[in-house]
Amino acid sequence: MILKRTINKDEIKDLPKTIFPGRIHVIQSEMETIKAVAYLQSQPILGIDSETRPSFTKGQSHKVALLQISSDECCFLFRLNMMGLIQPLIDLLENPNIIKVGLSLKDDFMMLHKRAPFNQKNCVELQDYVRQFGIQDKSLQKIYGILFKEKISKSQRLSNWEADVLSDGQKQYAATDAWACLNIYNLLQELKRTGDYEVENLPSPEEEIITNSPATANK
């Protein structure tokens, strides 16, 4: 497998769209959370992400509305705006035996800490992890495009995550983001185990100049 170091927006635009293929469960009560976490605690690796209602007014901000946690088969959307960051979820985030994979985790945890204090353990930041494979891009959409030749839609990013009922589009978007983090990690772990990959060589500055020169532009 040849790994590109970077991918541009035009290349991503032409890729087929990916969506989470598993089951999505919306969780908005403590009893539902207990059941969901019992399942998640049995998984060795989870993908995580969060969503916050966007603010379009200067000085206004919102707390995290949604915490999405995904296995390969199921994604649970915990509606924190309805029930808060309760103890079963804290226990899961603090479990040192489960790997939690995400992107921009520092930002996610900074926002989650505003809901409740906890000490997250065994977390993998994909922006750091992909560097050992030569990947220079840092956005989830670009990393996923490089590895899977598919694109993650961002159309729901600025929607209202505190809505009374989440739309199907919102649920699919949220689940796909968390699952994509897990999918990326699983593939990179497999490539690391097999060594079956090469990093694409970037042209040297001299080659870049020659390639983009007027003399070669029409060839």
C-alpha atoms as a PDB file:
ATOM      1  CA  MET A   1       0.000   0.000   0.000  1.00  0.00           C
ATOM      2  CA  ILE A   2       1.348   3.430  -0.978  1.00  0.00           C
ATOM      3  CA  LEU A   3       0.605   6.102   1.638  1.00  0.00           C
ATOM      4  CA  LYS A   4       0.375   9.682   0.435  1.00  0.00           C
ATOM      5  CA  ARG A   5       1.847  12.266   2.746  1.00  0.00           C
ATOM      6  CA  THR A   6      -0.910  14.759   1.995  1.00  0.00           C
ATOM      7  CA  ILE A   7      -4.108  15.135  -0.016  1.00  0.00           C
ATOM      8  CA  ASN A   8      -5.793  18.301  -1.300  1.00  0.00           C
ATOM      9  CA  LYS A   9      -9.438  19.365  -1.237  1.00  0.00           C
ATOM     10  CA  ASP A  10      -9.970  18.764  -4.950  1.00  0.00           C
ATOM     11  CA  GLU A  11      -8.817  15.165  -4.588  1.00  0.00           C
ATOM     12  CA  ILE A  12     -11.147  14.644  -1.617  1.00  0.00           C
ATOM     13  CA  LYS A  13     -14.094  16.157  -3.505  1.00  0.00           C
ATOM     14  CA  ASP A  14     -13.905  13.386  -6.129  1.00  0.00           C
ATOM     15  CA  LEU A  15     -13.826  10.514  -3.612  1.00  0.00           C
ATOM     16  CA  PRO A  16     -16.919   8.396  -2.845  1.00  0.00           C
ATOM     17  CA  LYS A  17     -18.614   9.164   0.469  1.00  0.00           C
ATOM     18  CA  THR A  18     -18.257   6.810   3.430  1.00  0.00           C
ATOM     19  CA  ILE A  19     -20.905   6.251   6.095  1.00  0.00           C
ATOM     20  CA  PHE A  20     -20.919   4.248   9.307  1.00  0.00           C
ATOM     21  CA  PRO A  21     -22.236   0.780   8.368  1.00  0.00           C
ATOM     22  CA  GLY A  22     -23.259  -0.354  11.853  1.00  0.00           C
ATOM     23  CA  ARG A  23     -26.090   0.290  14.286  1.00  0.00           C
ATOM     24  CA  ILE A  24     -26.545   3.738  15.859  1.00  0.00           C
ATOM     25  CA  HIS A  25     -28.079   4.083  19.335  1.00  0.00           C
ATOM     26  CA  VAL A  26     -29.122   7.472  20.747  1.00  0.00           C
ATOM     27  CA  ILE A  27     -28.675   7.476  24.549  1.00  0.00           C
ATOM     28  CA  GLN A  28     -30.380  10.092  26.691  1.00  0.00           C
ATOM     29  CA  SER A  29     -31.003   8.554  30.127  1.00  0.00           C
ATOM     30  CA  GLU A  30     -28.918   7.080  32.925  1.00  0.00           C
ATOM     31  CA  MET A  31     -30.450   3.606  32.524  1.00  0.00           C
ATOM     32  CA  GLU A  32     -29.669   3.567  28.792  1.00  0.00           C
ATOM     33  CA  THR A  33     -26.136   4.767  29.571  1.00  0.00           C
ATOM     34  CA  ILE A  34     -25.522   1.935  32.038  1.00  0.00           C
ATOM     35  CA  LYS A  35     -26.551  -0.652  29.429  1.00  0.00           C
ATOM     36  CA  ALA A  36     -24.518   0.967  26.656  1.00  0.00           C
ATOM     37  CA  VAL A  37     -21.391   1.301  28.797  1.00  0.00           C
ATOM     38  CA  ALA A  38     -21.657  -2.353  29.869  1.00  0.00           C
ATOM     39  CA  TYR A  39     -21.249  -3.274  26.198  1.00  0.00           C
ATOM     40  CA  LEU A  40     -18.508  -0.710  25.544  1.00  0.00           C
ATOM     41  CA  GLN A  41     -16.498  -1.881  28.553  1.00  0.00           C
ATOM     42  CA  SER A  42     -16.181  -5.271  26.818  1.00  0.00           C
ATOM     43  CA  GLN A  43     -14.438  -3.778  23.774  1.00  0.00           C
ATOM     44  CA  PRO A  44     -10.618  -3.507  23.580  1.00  0.00           C
ATOM     45  CA  ILE A  45     -10.570  -0.397  21.353  1.00  0.00           C
ATOM     46  CA  LEU A  46     -13.102   2.398  20.847  1.00  0.00           C
ATOM     47  CA  GLY A  47     -13.358   5.431  18.597  1.00  0.00           C
ATOM     48  CA  ILE A  48     -14.535   8.630  20.261  1.00  0.00           C
ATOM     49  CA  ASP A  49     -15.578  12.131  19.237  1.00  0.00           C
ATOM     50  CA  SER A  50     -17.819  14.905  20.506  1.00  0.00           C
ATOM     51  CA  GLU A  51     -20.113  17.603  19.134  1.00  0.00           C
ATOM     52  CA  THR A  52     -20.973  21.015  20.516  1.00  0.00           C
ATOM     53  CA  ARG A  53     -23.755  23.335  19.413  1.00  0.00           C
ATOM     54  CA  PRO A  54     -22.114  26.061  17.321  1.00  0.00           C
ATOM     55  CA  SER A  55     -22.298  29.634  18.528  1.00  0.00           C
ATOM     56  CA  PHE A  56     -22.790  32.457  16.043  1.00  0.00           C
ATOM     57  CA  THR A  57     -22.813  35.211  18.680  1.00  0.00           C
ATOM     58  CA  LYS A  58     -19.583  36.740  19.944  1.00  0.00           C
ATOM     59  CA  GLY A  59     -18.851  35.789  23.558  1.00  0.00           C
ATOM     60  CA  GLN A  60     -21.444  33.015  23.626  1.00  0.00           C
ATOM     61  CA  SER A  61     -20.399  29.392  24.059  1.00  0.00           C
ATOM     62  CA  HIS A  62     -22.040  26.056  24.747  1.00  0.00           C
ATOM     63  CA  LYS A  63     -21.072  22.914  26.603  1.00  0.00           C
ATOM     64  CA  VAL A  64     -20.509  19.603  24.815  1.00  0.00           C
ATOM     65  CA  ALA A  65     -23.893  18.323  23.659  1.00  0.00           C
ATOM     66  CA  LEU A  66     -22.947  14.903  22.316  1.00  0.00           C
ATOM     67  CA  LEU A  67     -20.312  12.276  23.071  1.00  0.00           C
ATOM     68  CA  GLN A  68     -20.136   9.558  20.456  1.00  0.00           C
ATOM     69  CA  ILE A  69     -18.322   6.300  21.216  1.00  0.00           C
ATOM     70  CA  SER A  70     -18.027   3.584  18.588  1.00  0.00           C
ATOM     71  CA  SER A  71     -17.008  -0.041  18.276  1.00  0.00           C
ATOM     72  CA  ASP A  72     -16.744  -1.694  14.859  1.00  0.00           C
ATOM     73  CA  GLU A  73     -20.414  -2.686  14.961  1.00  0.00           C
ATOM     74  CA  CYS A  74     -22.232  -0.110  17.108  1.00  0.00           C
ATOM     75  CA  CYS A  75     -22.005   3.599  17.822  1.00  0.00           C
ATOM     76  CA  PHE A  76     -23.630   5.151  20.884  1.00  0.00           C
ATOM     77  CA  LEU A  77     -24.554   8.831  20.833  1.00  0.00           C
ATOM     78  CA  PHE A  78     -24.694  10.073  24.422  1.00  0.00           C
ATOM     79  CA  ARG A  79     -26.772  13.263  24.659  1.00  0.00           C
ATOM     80  CA  LEU A  80     -24.852  15.065  27.386  1.00  0.00           C
ATOM     81  CA  ASN A  81     -27.035  18.171  27.095  1.00  0.00           C
ATOM     82  CA  MET A  82     -29.923  16.048  28.405  1.00  0.00           C
ATOM     83  CA  MET A  83     -28.206  13.989  31.115  1.00  0.00           C
ATOM     84  CA  GLY A  84     -24.722  15.414  31.738  1.00  0.00           C
ATOM     85  CA  LEU A  85     -21.435  13.507  31.874  1.00  0.00           C
ATOM     86  CA  ILE A  86     -22.512  10.854  34.360  1.00  0.00           C
ATOM     87  CA  GLN A  87     -20.429   8.334  36.297  1.00  0.00           C
ATOM     88  CA  PRO A  88     -20.730   5.294  33.956  1.00  0.00           C
ATOM     89  CA  LEU A  89     -19.237   7.384  31.122  1.00  0.00           C
ATOM     90  CA  ILE A  90     -16.507   8.723  33.402  1.00  0.00           C
ATOM     91  CA  ASP A  91     -15.658   5.151  34.429  1.00  0.00           C
ATOM     92  CA  LEU A  92     -15.313   4.220  30.753  1.00  0.00           C
ATOM     93  CA  LEU A  93     -13.083   7.205  29.929  1.00  0.00           C
ATOM     94  CA  GLU A  94     -10.899   6.398  32.957  1.00  0.00           C
ATOM     95  CA  ASN A  95     -10.609   2.662  32.166  1.00  0.00           C
ATOM     96  CA  PRO A  96      -6.877   2.009  31.485  1.00  0.00           C
ATOM     97  CA  ASN A  97      -7.612  -1.322  29.797  1.00  0.00           C
ATOM     98  CA  ILE A  98      -9.568   0.130  26.863  1.00  0.00           C
ATOM     99  CA  ILE A  99      -7.829   2.102  24.112  1.00  0.00           C
ATOM    100  CA  LYS A 100      -9.742   5.256  23.193  1.00  0.00           C
ATOM    101  CA  VAL A 101      -8.866   6.622  19.741  1.00  0.00           C
ATOM    102  CA  GLY A 102      -9.754  10.100  18.507  1.00  0.00           C
ATOM    103  CA  LEU A 103      -8.573  13.188  16.681  1.00  0.00           C
ATOM    104  CA  SER A 104      -7.997  16.552  18.404  1.00  0.00           C
ATOM    105  CA  LEU A 105      -8.617  14.778  21.702  1.00  0.00           C
ATOM    106  CA  LYS A 106      -7.089  17.653  23.646  1.00  0.00           C
ATOM    107  CA  ASP A 107      -9.962  19.877  22.495  1.00  0.00           C
ATOM    108  CA  ASP A 108     -12.593  17.199  23.140  1.00  0.00           C
ATOM    109  CA  PHE A 109     -11.374  16.545  26.680  1.00  0.00           C
ATOM    110  CA  MET A 110     -10.983  20.248  27.465  1.00  0.00           C
ATOM    111  CA  MET A 111     -14.670  20.691  26.661  1.00  0.00           C
ATOM    112  CA  LEU A 112     -15.751  17.499  28.448  1.00  0.00           C
ATOM    113  CA  HIS A 113     -13.875  18.563  31.587  1.00  0.00           C
ATOM    114  CA  LYS A 114     -16.223  21.567  31.763  1.00  0.00           C
ATOM    115  CA  ARG A 115     -19.050  19.109  32.369  1.00  0.00           C
ATOM    116  CA  ALA A 116     -17.331  16.955  35.017  1.00  0.00           C
ATOM    117  CA  PRO A 117     -13.818  16.264  36.347  1.00  0.00           C
ATOM    118  CA  PHE A 118     -12.193  12.999  35.251  1.00  0.00           C
ATOM    119  CA  ASN A 119      -8.781  11.592  34.329  1.00  0.00           C
ATOM    120  CA  GLN A 120      -8.898  10.010  30.862  1.00  0.00           C
ATOM    121  CA  LYS A 121      -6.584   7.038  30.351  1.00  0.00           C
ATOM    122  CA  ASN A 122      -5.102   5.032  27.455  1.00  0.00           C
ATOM    123  CA  CYS A 123      -5.963   7.520  24.707  1.00  0.00           C
ATOM    124  CA  VAL A 124      -4.454   7.631  21.213  1.00  0.00           C
ATOM    125  CA  GLU A 125      -4.270  10.971  19.391  1.00  0.00           C
ATOM    126  CA  LEU A 126      -4.433  10.224  15.657  1.00  0.00           C
ATOM    127  CA  GLN A 127      -2.790  13.509  14.660  1.00  0.00           C
ATOM    128  CA  ASP A 128       0.348  12.272  16.421  1.00  0.00           C
ATOM    129  CA  TYR A 129      -0.041   8.587  15.571  1.00  0.00           C
ATOM    130  CA  VAL A 130      -0.196   9.036  11.772  1.00  0.00           C
ATOM    131  CA  ARG A 131       3.159  10.825  11.657  1.00  0.00           C
ATOM    132  CA  GLN A 132       5.111   7.570  11.995  1.00  0.00           C
ATOM    133  CA  PHE A 133       3.470   6.502   8.725  1.00  0.00           C
ATOM    134  CA  GLY A 134       4.602   9.656   6.923  1.00  0.00           C
ATOM    135  CA  ILE A 135       1.138  11.248   6.842  1.00  0.00           C
ATOM    136  CA  GLN A 136       1.394  15.008   7.295  1.00  0.00           C
ATOM    137  CA  ASP A 137      -2.279  16.000   7.169  1.00  0.00           C
ATOM    138  CA  LYS A 138      -4.086  16.508  10.468  1.00  0.00           C
ATOM    139  CA  SER A 139      -7.802  16.608   9.615  1.00  0.00           C
ATOM    140  CA  LEU A 140      -9.920  13.477   9.980  1.00  0.00           C
ATOM    141  CA  GLN A 141     -11.321  13.939   6.486  1.00  0.00           C
ATOM    142  CA  LYS A 142      -7.884  14.113   4.874  1.00  0.00           C
ATOM    143  CA  ILE A 143      -6.360  11.240   6.864  1.00  0.00           C
ATOM    144  CA  TYR A 144      -9.360   9.061   6.019  1.00  0.00           C
ATOM    145  CA  GLY A 145      -9.129  10.049   2.350  1.00  0.00           C
ATOM    146  CA  ILE A 146      -5.457   9.075   2.202  1.00  0.00           C
ATOM    147  CA  LEU A 147      -5.999   5.672   3.812  1.00  0.00           C
ATOM    148  CA  PHE A 148      -9.390   4.582   2.457  1.00  0.00           C
ATOM    149  CA  LYS A 149      -9.876   6.637  -0.751  1.00  0.00           C
ATOM    150  CA  GLU A 150     -13.252   7.730   0.631  1.00  0.00           C
ATOM    151  CA  LYS A 151     -14.491  11.041   2.032  1.00  0.00           C
ATOM    152  CA  ILE A 152     -16.295  11.892   5.249  1.00  0.00           C
ATOM    153  CA  SER A 153     -19.125  14.389   4.750  1.00  0.00           C
ATOM    154  CA  LYS A 154     -18.897  17.506   6.930  1.00  0.00           C
ATOM    155  CA  SER A 155     -22.346  18.893   6.033  1.00  0.00           C
ATOM    156  CA  GLN A 156     -23.799  18.495   9.550  1.00  0.00           C
ATOM    157  CA  ARG A 157     -20.871  19.933  11.505  1.00  0.00           C
ATOM    158  CA  LEU A 158     -22.517  23.288  12.256  1.00  0.00           C
ATOM    159  CA  SER A 159     -26.012  21.935  12.922  1.00  0.00           C
ATOM    160  CA  ASN A 160     -27.835  22.257  16.258  1.00  0.00           C
ATOM    161  CA  TRP A 161     -26.550  19.429  18.448  1.00  0.00           C
ATOM    162  CA  GLU A 162     -28.957  20.421  21.232  1.00  0.00           C
ATOM    163  CA  ALA A 163     -32.068  19.890  19.086  1.00  0.00           C
ATOM    164  CA  ASP A 164     -34.917  18.024  20.783  1.00  0.00           C
ATOM    165  CA  VAL A 165     -34.521  15.217  18.252  1.00  0.00           C
ATOM    166  CA  LEU A 166     -31.356  14.558  16.240  1.00  0.00           C
ATOM    167  CA  SER A 167     -31.940  14.204  12.503  1.00  0.00           C
ATOM    168  CA  ASP A 168     -30.865  11.086  10.626  1.00  0.00           C
ATOM    169  CA  GLY A 169     -28.155  13.198   8.995  1.00  0.00           C
ATOM    170  CA  GLN A 170     -26.812  14.310  12.369  1.00  0.00           C
ATOM    171  CA  LYS A 171     -26.805  10.762  13.730  1.00  0.00           C
ATOM    172  CA  GLN A 172     -24.986   9.400  10.684  1.00  0.00           C
ATOM    173  CA  TYR A 173     -22.439  12.234  10.734  1.00  0.00           C
ATOM    174  CA  ALA A 174     -21.685  11.828  14.449  1.00  0.00           C
ATOM    175  CA  ALA A 175     -21.390   8.042  14.260  1.00  0.00           C
ATOM    176  CA  THR A 176     -19.205   8.156  11.150  1.00  0.00           C
ATOM    177  CA  ASP A 177     -16.691  10.518  12.782  1.00  0.00           C
ATOM    178  CA  ALA A 178     -16.179   8.308  15.855  1.00  0.00           C
ATOM    179  CA  TRP A 179     -16.089   5.087  13.827  1.00  0.00           C
ATOM    180  CA  ALA A 180     -13.672   6.610  11.288  1.00  0.00           C
ATOM    181  CA  CYS A 181     -11.142   7.219  14.083  1.00  0.00           C
ATOM    182  CA  LEU A 182     -11.356   3.546  15.060  1.00  0.00           C
ATOM    183  CA  ASN A 183     -11.169   2.450  11.415  1.00  0.00           C
ATOM    184  CA  ILE A 184      -8.010   4.507  10.835  1.00  0.00           C
ATOM    185  CA  TYR A 185      -6.314   3.113  13.934  1.00  0.00           C
ATOM    186  CA  ASN A 186      -7.186  -0.486  13.068  1.00  0.00           C
ATOM    187  CA  LEU A 187      -5.796  -0.148   9.535  1.00  0.00           C
ATOM    188  CA  LEU A 188      -2.584   1.526  10.705  1.00  0.00           C
ATOM    189  CA  GLN A 189      -2.088  -1.173  13.347  1.00  0.00           C
ATOM    190  CA  GLU A 190      -2.418  -3.807  10.623  1.00  0.00           C
ATOM    191  CA  LEU A 191       0.045  -1.974   8.358  1.00  0.00           C
ATOM    192  CA  LYS A 192       2.449  -1.661  11.273  1.00  0.00           C
ATOM    193  CA  ARG A 193       2.164  -5.397  11.963  1.00  0.00           C
ATOM    194  CA  THR A 194       2.681  -6.474   8.342  1.00  0.00           C
ATOM    195  CA  GLY A 195       4.973  -3.670   7.165  1.00  0.00           C
ATOM    196  CA  ASP A 196       2.987  -3.777   3.940  1.00  0.00           C
ATOM    197  CA  TYR A 197       3.175  -0.081   3.076  1.00  0.00           C
ATOM    198  CA  GLU A 198       5.436   2.539   1.522  1.00  0.00           C
ATOM    199  CA  VAL A 199       5.371   6.295   2.011  1.00  0.00           C
ATOM    200  CA  GLU A 200       5.040   8.276  -1.191  1.00  0.00           C
ATOM    201  CA  ASN A 201       8.142  10.324  -1.948  1.00  0.00           C
ATOM    202  CA  LEU A 202       7.530  14.037  -2.275  1.00  0.00           C
ATOM    203  CA  PRO A 203       9.409  15.818  -5.087  1.00  0.00           C
ATOM    204  CA  SER A 204      12.452  17.768  -3.992  1.00  0.00           C
ATOM    205  CA  PRO A 205      12.257  21.583  -4.209  1.00  0.00           C
ATOM    206  CA  GLU A 206      14.383  21.430  -7.396  1.00  0.00           C
ATOM    207  CA  GLU A 207      12.006  18.908  -8.993  1.00  0.00           C
ATOM    208  CA  GLU A 208       9.013  21.029  -7.956  1.00  0.00           C
ATOM    209  CA  ILE A 209      10.495  24.050  -9.728  1.00  0.00           C
ATOM    210  CA  ILE A 210      11.184  22.055 -12.897  1.00  0.00           C
ATOM    211  CA  THR A 211       7.717  20.455 -12.885  1.00  0.00           C
ATOM    212  CA  ASN A 212       5.957  23.797 -12.509  1.00  0.00           C
ATOM    213  CA  SER A 213       8.138  25.762 -14.922  1.00  0.00           C
ATOM    214  CA  PRO A 214       6.534  27.278 -18.073  1.00  0.00           C
ATOM    215  CA  ALA A 215       8.725  25.045 -20.246  1.00  0.00           C
ATOM    216  CA  THR A 216       7.198  21.849 -18.829  1.00  0.00           C
ATOM    217  CA  ALA A 217       3.669  23.095 -18.180  1.00  0.00           C
ATOM    218  CA  ASN A 218       2.390  22.183 -21.664  1.00  0.00           C
ATOM    219  CA  LYS A 219       4.020  18.768 -21.903  1.00  0.00           C
END
